[in-house]
């Protein structure tokens, strides 16, 4: 029974990864991901003199970084690929 549960969990993780790729690896998805990266502190610092503002910015950034991690995308490499294709940097 334990093997079936592990197998089901592995299949669910695999299916979710496929969903992430279907969502973000299309031309539209890449534009959305680039916008998210640009607006949620992936390319800019999160520092602010107000620690609550800085914590909020870090939270925004960490969500985008989690998406990039699932996609196994390096943010700088993604930005370069986007610039090469669209000529419009973050």
Protein backbone atom coordinates (compact mmCIF):
# COMPACT_ATOMS: atom_id res chain seq x y z
CA UNK A 1 0.00 0.00 0.00
CA UNK A 2 2.83 2.44 0.82
CA UNK A 3 4.40 1.98 -2.64
CA UNK A 4 1.11 2.90 -4.33
CA UNK A 5 0.85 6.08 -2.23
CA UNK A 6 4.42 7.10 -3.13
CA UNK A 7 3.74 6.34 -6.77
CA UNK A 8 0.53 8.40 -6.70
CA UNK A 9 2.37 11.32 -5.08
CA UNK A 10 5.15 11.12 -7.66
CA UNK A 11 2.59 11.10 -10.46
CA UNK A 12 0.83 14.13 -8.97
CA UNK A 13 4.13 16.03 -8.76
CA UNK A 14 4.95 15.09 -12.34
CA UNK A 15 1.51 16.21 -13.53
CA UNK A 16 1.87 19.51 -11.70
CA UNK A 17 5.27 20.10 -13.30
CA UNK A 18 3.71 19.45 -16.72
CA UNK A 19 1.00 21.98 -15.86
CA UNK A 20 3.59 24.59 -14.86
CA UNK A 21 5.43 24.07 -18.14
CA UNK A 22 2.22 24.23 -20.18
CA UNK A 23 1.33 27.47 -18.43
CA UNK A 24 4.65 29.30 -18.49
CA UNK A 25 6.59 27.84 -21.43
CA UNK A 26 4.26 29.10 -24.13
CA UNK A 27 4.83 32.47 -25.78
CA UNK A 28 1.99 33.98 -23.74
CA UNK A 29 3.21 32.33 -20.55
CA UNK A 30 6.73 33.63 -21.09
CA UNK A 31 5.37 37.18 -21.40
CA UNK A 32 3.38 36.75 -18.20
CA UNK A 33 6.38 35.29 -16.39
CA UNK A 34 8.59 38.15 -17.59
CA UNK A 35 6.01 40.64 -16.31
CA UNK A 36 5.83 38.88 -12.95
CA UNK A 37 9.61 38.85 -12.71
CA UNK A 38 9.81 42.55 -13.60
CA UNK A 39 7.13 43.65 -11.15
CA UNK A 40 7.98 41.44 -8.20
CA UNK A 41 11.63 42.16 -7.48
CA UNK A 42 13.41 39.37 -9.35
CA UNK A 43 15.63 41.87 -11.19
CA UNK A 44 15.69 44.55 -8.50
CA UNK A 45 16.56 44.63 -4.85
CA UNK A 46 13.99 44.21 -2.11
CA UNK A 47 15.69 46.49 0.40
CA UNK A 48 13.62 49.18 2.07
CA UNK A 49 14.24 51.09 5.30
CA UNK A 50 10.85 49.82 6.48
CA UNK A 51 11.31 46.15 7.42
CA UNK A 52 7.63 45.40 6.72
CA UNK A 53 7.92 46.71 3.16
CA UNK A 54 11.10 44.72 2.67
CA UNK A 55 9.46 41.56 4.02
CA UNK A 56 6.49 42.06 1.69
CA UNK A 57 8.82 42.49 -1.31
CA UNK A 58 10.73 39.35 -0.35
CA UNK A 59 7.45 37.47 -0.18
CA UNK A 60 6.51 38.62 -3.68
CA UNK A 61 9.93 37.67 -4.99
CA UNK A 62 9.91 34.25 -3.34
CA UNK A 63 6.70 33.24 -5.15
CA UNK A 64 8.23 34.06 -8.53
CA UNK A 65 11.45 32.30 -7.59
CA UNK A 66 9.43 29.19 -6.66
CA UNK A 67 7.83 29.21 -10.11
CA UNK A 68 11.23 29.57 -11.76
CA UNK A 69 12.57 26.76 -9.61
CA UNK A 70 9.74 24.46 -10.72
CA UNK A 71 10.51 25.35 -14.33
CA UNK A 72 14.25 25.03 -13.65
CA UNK A 73 14.83 28.47 -15.14
CA UNK A 74 17.68 30.76 -14.20
CA UNK A 75 16.18 34.30 -14.00
CA UNK A 76 19.13 35.96 -15.73
CA UNK A 77 19.14 33.36 -18.51
CA UNK A 78 15.40 33.88 -18.95
CA UNK A 79 15.87 37.64 -19.19
CA UNK A 80 18.58 37.24 -21.82
CA UNK A 81 16.45 34.80 -23.83
CA UNK A 82 13.55 37.23 -23.64
CA UNK A 83 15.72 40.16 -24.70
CA UNK A 84 17.12 38.18 -27.64
CA UNK A 85 13.66 37.25 -28.84
CA UNK A 86 11.67 40.40 -28.11
CA UNK A 87 14.32 43.09 -27.69
CA UNK A 88 12.57 44.40 -24.60
CA UNK A 89 14.43 43.96 -21.33
CA UNK A 90 12.95 43.97 -17.85
